Amino acid sequence: MRYTNKRGRWPLLTGALALVMLVAACGSDGNDDVAGSGSIGEKFDLGGTTVTVGSKEFTEQLILGNLTKLALTAAGAKVEDQIGLQGSTTVRAALTSGEIDLYWEYLGTGWVTYLKNEKGIPGAQAQFEAVRDADAANGVTWLDPAPFNDTYAIAASSETAERLGVASISDIAALVASNPADATFCVGGEFSTRPDGLPGLEKAYGFKVAPDNVSNVQDALVYNQVDKGECAFGSITSTDGRVGSLGLTVLTDDKQFFPPFNGSVNVRSEMLDEHPEIKDIFAPIAAALDDATMVGLNAKVDVDGEEPADVAKTWLTENGYIG
């Protein structure tokens, strides 16, 4: 089974939330064997506690969701599985309504999409503190973020980048001005409409791509289309394993337009008040997830064809978190 790496879609009808979650749910199948095992089982006891874990539907989120599920199971919790919900706003609504208790979110998504800010704040720590403090009023606690930064980026094939003489997004702006026909884009998912996507990028860098030069495609297709030269540039996410496997060139965001997208466990504040040890369970896991680690985990799914749950379990076992 192949998985697509996309952040999710714009809002689904909230009336469909229960149905989507029912389809996604699959209980705590196959993970009871990790209960009480590894360093997590030795240090923490969530016996008698039921926790509902969610995630979005793309590769990285499926891996993170399963890491979360397995870690809590190892601590003795009964875990209800809502991993793989469709779209950012669906998962956020599930958290704030209490349908799920925690999931991994990205600093930039929280700040721009949910808290409705026009642009991000430079620097991961500053962005984290801003979104953490602002979202507390919504009953959401952001745990300390991981080092990995799955930010949006613009990529080209190495051949295209060399042929067009582009190394930065400012170079694209110059290309649009001098030879607009060469500035073709493949964009997917939310990128074509998000304020921290193409519209904001054009505004920040002072260019406008001709509508006929923008192809809206599934996120999973962007990587191969860019690699094959079917479009000059594509919207990608920086920790996707296909960036390295295809040898794509990621253009420098020289104006630092894209906000930090470090991952952070989002927990209902009420749940964290009842079980503060959840913060301690995930602190070392988050700290270990740097860019190289996340790229490698994603590649095991998107390039090697492994299952996200198996990738998550192997990583936790190899690092001693579960036995």
Protein backbone atom coordinates (compact mmCIF):
# COMPACT_ATOMS: atom_id res chain seq x y z
CA MET A 1 0.00 0.00 0.00
CA ARG A 2 1.28 3.46 -0.89
CA TYR A 3 0.62 6.61 1.10
CA THR A 4 0.57 10.20 -0.02
CA ASN A 5 2.41 12.96 1.77
CA LYS A 6 0.01 15.85 2.01
CA ARG A 7 -1.08 18.07 4.86
CA GLY A 8 -4.76 17.46 4.31
CA ARG A 9 -7.62 19.24 2.62
CA TRP A 10 -9.68 22.28 3.45
CA PRO A 11 -12.67 21.88 5.77
CA LEU A 12 -14.94 18.91 5.35
CA LEU A 13 -18.53 19.20 6.44
CA THR A 14 -18.52 18.88 10.20
CA GLY A 15 -21.61 16.71 9.94
CA ALA A 16 -19.44 14.08 8.26
CA LEU A 17 -16.92 14.06 11.10
CA ALA A 18 -18.44 11.14 12.95
CA LEU A 19 -18.62 9.05 9.78
CA VAL A 20 -15.03 9.83 8.81
CA MET A 21 -13.82 8.94 12.29
CA LEU A 22 -15.82 5.72 12.29
CA VAL A 23 -14.20 4.65 9.04
CA ALA A 24 -10.73 5.57 10.34
CA ALA A 25 -11.13 3.84 13.68
CA CYS A 26 -9.64 0.39 14.13
CA GLY A 27 -9.08 0.05 17.89
CA SER A 28 -5.76 -0.99 19.38
CA ASP A 29 -5.24 -4.03 17.14
CA GLY A 30 -1.89 -5.76 17.25
CA ASN A 31 -0.26 -3.53 19.83
CA ASP A 32 -1.27 -5.09 23.13
CA ASP A 33 2.04 -6.96 23.14
CA VAL A 34 3.94 -3.73 23.83
CA ALA A 35 2.01 -2.91 27.02
CA GLY A 36 4.37 -2.42 29.94
CA SER A 37 7.46 -2.94 27.79
CA GLY A 38 10.62 -0.93 27.20
CA SER A 39 11.65 2.25 28.95
CA ILE A 40 8.14 3.68 28.71
CA GLY A 41 6.58 0.70 30.47
CA GLU A 42 9.25 0.81 33.15
CA LYS A 43 8.69 4.50 33.97
CA PHE A 44 4.99 5.14 33.42
CA ASP A 45 1.70 3.56 34.40
CA LEU A 46 -1.46 4.70 32.61
CA GLY A 47 -3.33 1.56 33.50
CA GLY A 48 -7.09 2.14 33.59
CA THR A 49 -6.81 5.19 31.32
CA THR A 50 -8.44 5.35 27.89
CA VAL A 51 -6.82 7.71 25.39
CA THR A 52 -8.02 8.39 21.85
CA VAL A 53 -5.20 9.08 19.38
CA GLY A 54 -5.76 10.83 16.06
CA SER A 55 -3.74 11.83 13.04
CA LYS A 56 -4.13 13.18 9.53
CA GLU A 57 -4.02 10.86 6.53
CA PHE A 58 -0.59 11.38 4.96
CA THR A 59 2.53 9.30 5.49
CA GLU A 60 4.30 11.31 8.16
CA GLN A 61 1.11 11.68 10.19
CA LEU A 62 0.36 7.97 9.97
CA ILE A 63 3.83 7.24 11.32
CA LEU A 64 3.51 9.81 14.11
CA GLY A 65 0.03 8.59 14.99
CA ASN A 66 1.30 5.04 15.36
CA LEU A 67 4.30 6.19 17.41
CA THR A 68 1.84 7.90 19.75
CA LYS A 69 -0.49 4.91 19.92
CA LEU A 70 2.33 2.49 20.68
CA ALA A 71 3.94 4.73 23.30
CA LEU A 72 0.69 5.12 25.21
CA THR A 73 -0.05 1.40 24.92
CA ALA A 74 3.40 0.67 26.36
CA ALA A 75 2.50 2.89 29.31
CA GLY A 76 -0.53 0.69 29.96
CA ALA A 77 -3.26 2.90 28.50
CA LYS A 78 -6.14 1.55 26.46
CA VAL A 79 -5.78 3.37 23.15
CA GLU A 80 -8.67 4.10 20.84
CA ASP A 81 -7.45 4.55 17.26
CA GLN A 82 -8.57 7.48 15.10
CA ILE A 83 -5.39 7.54 13.01
CA GLY A 84 -5.81 8.64 9.40
CA LEU A 85 -8.58 11.24 9.52
CA GLN A 86 -9.08 13.20 6.31
CA GLY A 87 -7.82 16.78 6.46
CA SER A 88 -6.30 19.21 8.91
CA THR A 89 -9.50 20.89 9.99
CA THR A 90 -11.23 17.56 10.59
CA VAL A 91 -8.55 16.44 13.03
CA ARG A 92 -8.49 19.82 14.74
CA ALA A 93 -12.28 19.72 15.16
CA ALA A 94 -12.00 16.22 16.60
CA LEU A 95 -9.49 17.48 19.20
CA THR A 96 -11.37 20.58 20.26
CA SER A 97 -14.68 18.68 20.46
CA GLY A 98 -13.13 15.96 22.62
CA GLU A 99 -13.56 13.19 20.04
CA ILE A 100 -9.81 12.61 20.23
CA ASP A 101 -7.38 13.44 23.03
CA LEU A 102 -4.13 14.11 21.19
CA TYR A 103 -2.39 14.12 17.82
CA TRP A 104 0.70 15.64 16.16
CA GLU A 105 0.27 19.09 14.60
CA TYR A 106 2.62 21.56 12.95
CA LEU A 107 3.46 24.99 14.35
CA GLY A 108 2.73 26.80 11.09
CA THR A 109 -0.61 25.08 10.59
CA GLY A 110 -1.68 25.96 14.11
CA TRP A 111 -0.66 29.59 13.77
CA VAL A 112 -1.94 30.30 10.25
CA THR A 113 -4.81 27.85 9.65
CA TYR A 114 -6.40 27.54 13.09
CA LEU A 115 -5.46 30.81 14.76
CA LYS A 116 -6.01 32.78 11.53
CA ASN A 117 -2.75 34.71 11.41
CA GLU A 118 -1.70 35.96 8.00
CA LYS A 119 1.91 34.83 8.21
CA GLY A 120 4.21 32.86 10.44
CA ILE A 121 6.81 33.99 12.96
CA PRO A 122 10.47 33.36 12.05
CA GLY A 123 12.26 30.93 14.32
CA ALA A 124 10.88 27.66 15.67
CA GLN A 125 11.06 28.65 19.34
CA ALA A 126 9.34 32.01 18.81
CA GLN A 127 6.67 30.38 16.66
CA PHE A 128 6.14 27.64 19.23
CA GLU A 129 5.74 30.05 22.12
CA ALA A 130 3.27 32.17 20.15
CA VAL A 131 1.04 29.30 19.09
CA ARG A 132 1.28 27.61 22.50
CA ASP A 133 0.24 30.73 24.36
CA ALA A 134 -2.55 31.68 21.96
CA ASP A 135 -4.07 28.20 21.70
CA ALA A 136 -4.26 27.69 25.46
CA ALA A 137 -7.52 29.64 25.40
CA ASN A 138 -8.98 26.92 23.15
CA GLY A 139 -8.18 24.15 25.62
CA VAL A 140 -5.27 22.88 23.54
CA THR A 141 -1.78 22.33 24.97
CA TRP A 142 1.19 22.21 22.60
CA LEU A 143 3.98 20.02 23.97
CA ASP A 144 7.62 20.92 23.26
CA PRO A 145 8.13 20.50 19.51
CA ALA A 146 10.42 18.03 17.78
CA PRO A 147 13.49 19.30 15.92
CA PHE A 148 12.14 18.13 12.55
CA ASN A 149 10.67 20.92 10.44
CA ASP A 150 8.26 19.58 7.82
CA THR A 151 7.84 22.94 6.18
CA TYR A 152 6.47 23.63 2.75
CA ALA A 153 9.13 24.13 0.11
CA ILE A 154 9.49 24.59 -3.63
CA ALA A 155 11.48 21.98 -5.54
CA ALA A 156 12.69 21.40 -9.06
CA SER A 157 14.53 18.56 -10.71
CA SER A 158 18.28 19.07 -10.66
CA GLU A 159 18.25 19.29 -14.45
CA THR A 160 15.53 21.95 -14.48
CA ALA A 161 17.20 24.00 -11.76
CA GLU A 162 20.47 23.99 -13.70
CA ARG A 163 18.81 24.73 -17.06
CA LEU A 164 16.82 27.66 -15.71
CA GLY A 165 19.56 28.91 -13.42
CA VAL A 166 17.42 28.91 -10.29
CA ALA A 167 18.61 28.21 -6.75
CA SER A 168 16.19 30.31 -4.69
CA ILE A 169 12.57 31.39 -4.79
CA SER A 170 13.73 34.91 -5.65
CA ASP A 171 15.21 33.36 -8.80
CA ILE A 172 11.71 32.11 -9.67
CA ALA A 173 10.38 35.66 -9.30
CA ALA A 174 13.05 36.86 -11.73
CA LEU A 175 12.15 34.03 -14.12
CA VAL A 176 8.46 34.96 -14.05
CA ALA A 177 9.42 38.52 -14.99
CA SER A 178 11.85 37.58 -17.76
CA ASN A 179 10.44 34.36 -19.20
CA PRO A 180 7.03 33.59 -17.67
CA ALA A 181 6.34 30.61 -19.94
CA ASP A 182 9.12 28.67 -18.21
CA ALA A 183 7.63 29.22 -14.73
CA THR A 184 5.24 26.26 -14.57
CA PHE A 185 4.03 24.88 -11.24
CA CYS A 186 2.52 21.65 -9.98
CA VAL A 187 0.79 22.23 -6.66
CA GLY A 188 -1.39 19.96 -4.61
CA GLY A 189 -3.76 19.80 -1.68
CA GLU A 190 -4.15 22.97 0.29
CA PHE A 191 -1.08 24.70 -1.15
CA SER A 192 -2.94 26.42 -3.98
CA THR A 193 -5.22 28.30 -1.59
CA ARG A 194 -3.55 28.49 1.82
CA PRO A 195 -2.22 31.89 2.89
CA ASP A 196 1.07 30.15 3.66
CA GLY A 197 0.94 28.46 0.25
CA LEU A 198 1.09 29.79 -3.30
CA PRO A 199 -1.01 32.97 -2.82
CA GLY A 200 1.14 34.12 0.08
CA LEU A 201 4.34 33.06 -1.66
CA GLU A 202 3.49 35.17 -4.72
CA LYS A 203 2.70 38.15 -2.52
CA ALA A 204 5.87 37.83 -0.45
CA TYR A 205 8.16 37.47 -3.45
CA GLY A 206 6.34 39.87 -5.75
CA PHE A 207 5.42 37.63 -8.66
CA LYS A 208 2.26 36.16 -10.17
CA VAL A 209 2.24 32.87 -12.04
CA ALA A 210 -0.09 32.75 -15.03
CA PRO A 211 -3.15 30.61 -14.17
CA ASP A 212 -2.51 28.37 -17.18
CA ASN A 213 0.95 27.63 -15.76
CA VAL A 214 -0.41 26.19 -12.51
CA SER A 215 -1.54 22.56 -12.42
CA ASN A 216 -3.51 21.41 -9.38
CA VAL A 217 -2.71 17.74 -8.83
CA GLN A 218 -2.72 15.21 -6.03
CA ASP A 219 0.16 15.83 -3.66
CA ALA A 220 1.53 12.36 -4.29
CA LEU A 221 1.93 13.16 -8.00
CA VAL A 222 3.88 16.40 -7.55
CA TYR A 223 7.20 14.70 -6.83
CA ASN A 224 7.27 12.52 -9.94
CA GLN A 225 5.92 15.27 -12.19
CA VAL A 226 8.68 17.61 -11.05
CA ASP A 227 11.26 14.85 -11.45
CA LYS A 228 10.08 14.15 -15.00
CA GLY A 229 10.06 17.84 -15.91
CA GLU A 230 6.32 17.94 -16.53
CA CYS A 231 6.37 21.15 -14.53
CA ALA A 232 9.36 23.27 -13.60
CA PHE A 233 8.50 23.70 -9.93
CA GLY A 234 6.41 21.88 -7.39
CA SER A 235 5.13 22.31 -3.86
CA ILE A 236 6.65 19.70 -1.58
CA THR A 237 7.15 19.12 2.12
CA SER A 238 10.73 19.12 3.28
CA THR A 239 10.79 15.83 5.23
CA ASP A 240 9.26 13.74 2.44
CA GLY A 241 11.51 10.79 1.69
CA ARG A 242 10.99 11.16 -2.06
CA VAL A 243 12.96 14.42 -2.15
CA GLY A 244 16.19 12.54 -1.62
CA SER A 245 15.29 9.39 -3.53
CA LEU A 246 14.46 11.42 -6.66
CA GLY A 247 17.36 13.82 -6.22
CA LEU A 248 15.15 16.91 -6.30
CA THR A 249 16.65 20.35 -5.71
CA VAL A 250 14.92 22.29 -2.92
CA LEU A 251 15.08 26.00 -3.64
CA THR A 252 16.20 28.35 -0.89
CA ASP A 253 13.40 30.30 0.76
CA ASP A 254 15.62 33.38 0.89
CA LYS A 255 12.90 35.64 2.31
CA GLN A 256 11.96 33.06 4.94
CA PHE A 257 8.34 33.10 3.87
CA PHE A 258 7.37 29.62 4.98
CA PRO A 259 6.77 29.49 8.74
CA PRO A 260 8.32 26.77 10.91
CA PHE A 261 6.42 23.51 10.66
CA ASN A 262 8.02 21.64 13.53
CA GLY A 263 5.82 18.85 14.81
CA SER A 264 4.30 19.03 18.28
CA VAL A 265 1.96 16.74 20.17
CA ASN A 266 -1.31 18.61 20.70
CA VAL A 267 -3.19 17.42 23.78
CA ARG A 268 -6.57 18.42 25.15
CA SER A 269 -5.60 20.48 28.19
CA GLU A 270 -8.18 18.68 30.30
CA MET A 271 -6.60 15.32 29.47
CA LEU A 272 -3.12 16.63 30.28
CA ASP A 273 -4.35 18.02 33.62
CA GLU A 274 -5.62 14.54 34.50
CA HIS A 275 -2.51 12.76 33.23
CA PRO A 276 0.50 15.12 33.27
CA GLU A 277 2.83 12.17 32.69
CA ILE A 278 1.81 12.27 29.02
CA LYS A 279 4.17 15.21 28.61
CA ASP A 280 7.05 13.20 30.03
CA ILE A 281 6.28 10.18 27.85
CA PHE A 282 6.60 12.18 24.64
CA ALA A 283 9.43 14.58 25.56
CA PRO A 284 12.28 12.18 24.68
CA ILE A 285 10.47 10.85 21.62
CA ALA A 286 9.95 14.34 20.23
CA ALA A 287 13.54 15.32 20.99
CA ALA A 288 14.82 12.36 18.95
CA LEU A 289 12.81 13.18 15.82
CA ASP A 290 15.13 15.43 13.86
CA ASP A 291 14.97 16.11 10.12
CA ALA A 292 17.19 13.19 9.10
CA THR A 293 15.24 10.75 11.26
CA MET A 294 11.86 11.88 9.93
CA VAL A 295 13.05 11.80 6.31
CA GLY A 296 14.31 8.27 6.86
CA LEU A 297 11.07 7.08 8.45
CA ASN A 298 8.97 8.62 5.68
CA ALA A 299 11.18 7.03 3.03
CA LYS A 300 10.62 3.58 4.51
CA VAL A 301 6.95 4.01 3.65
CA ASP A 302 6.95 6.11 0.47
CA VAL A 303 10.07 4.63 -1.14
CA ASP A 304 10.44 1.16 0.38
CA GLY A 305 6.73 0.36 0.67
CA GLU A 306 6.65 -0.52 4.38
CA GLU A 307 3.56 -0.01 6.52
CA PRO A 308 3.51 3.10 8.79
CA ALA A 309 2.62 1.02 11.86
CA ASP A 310 5.57 -1.31 11.26
CA VAL A 311 7.95 1.62 10.73
CA ALA A 312 6.78 3.23 13.97
CA LYS A 313 7.10 0.02 15.97
CA THR A 314 10.59 -0.73 14.65
CA TRP A 315 11.86 2.76 15.48
CA LEU A 316 10.43 2.72 19.01
CA THR A 317 11.86 -0.78 19.61
CA GLU A 318 15.31 0.06 18.24
CA ASN A 319 15.47 3.10 20.51
CA GLY A 320 14.38 1.15 23.57
CA TYR A 321 11.07 2.94 24.14
CA ILE A 322 9.14 -0.32 23.78
CA GLY A 323 10.29 -3.91 24.08
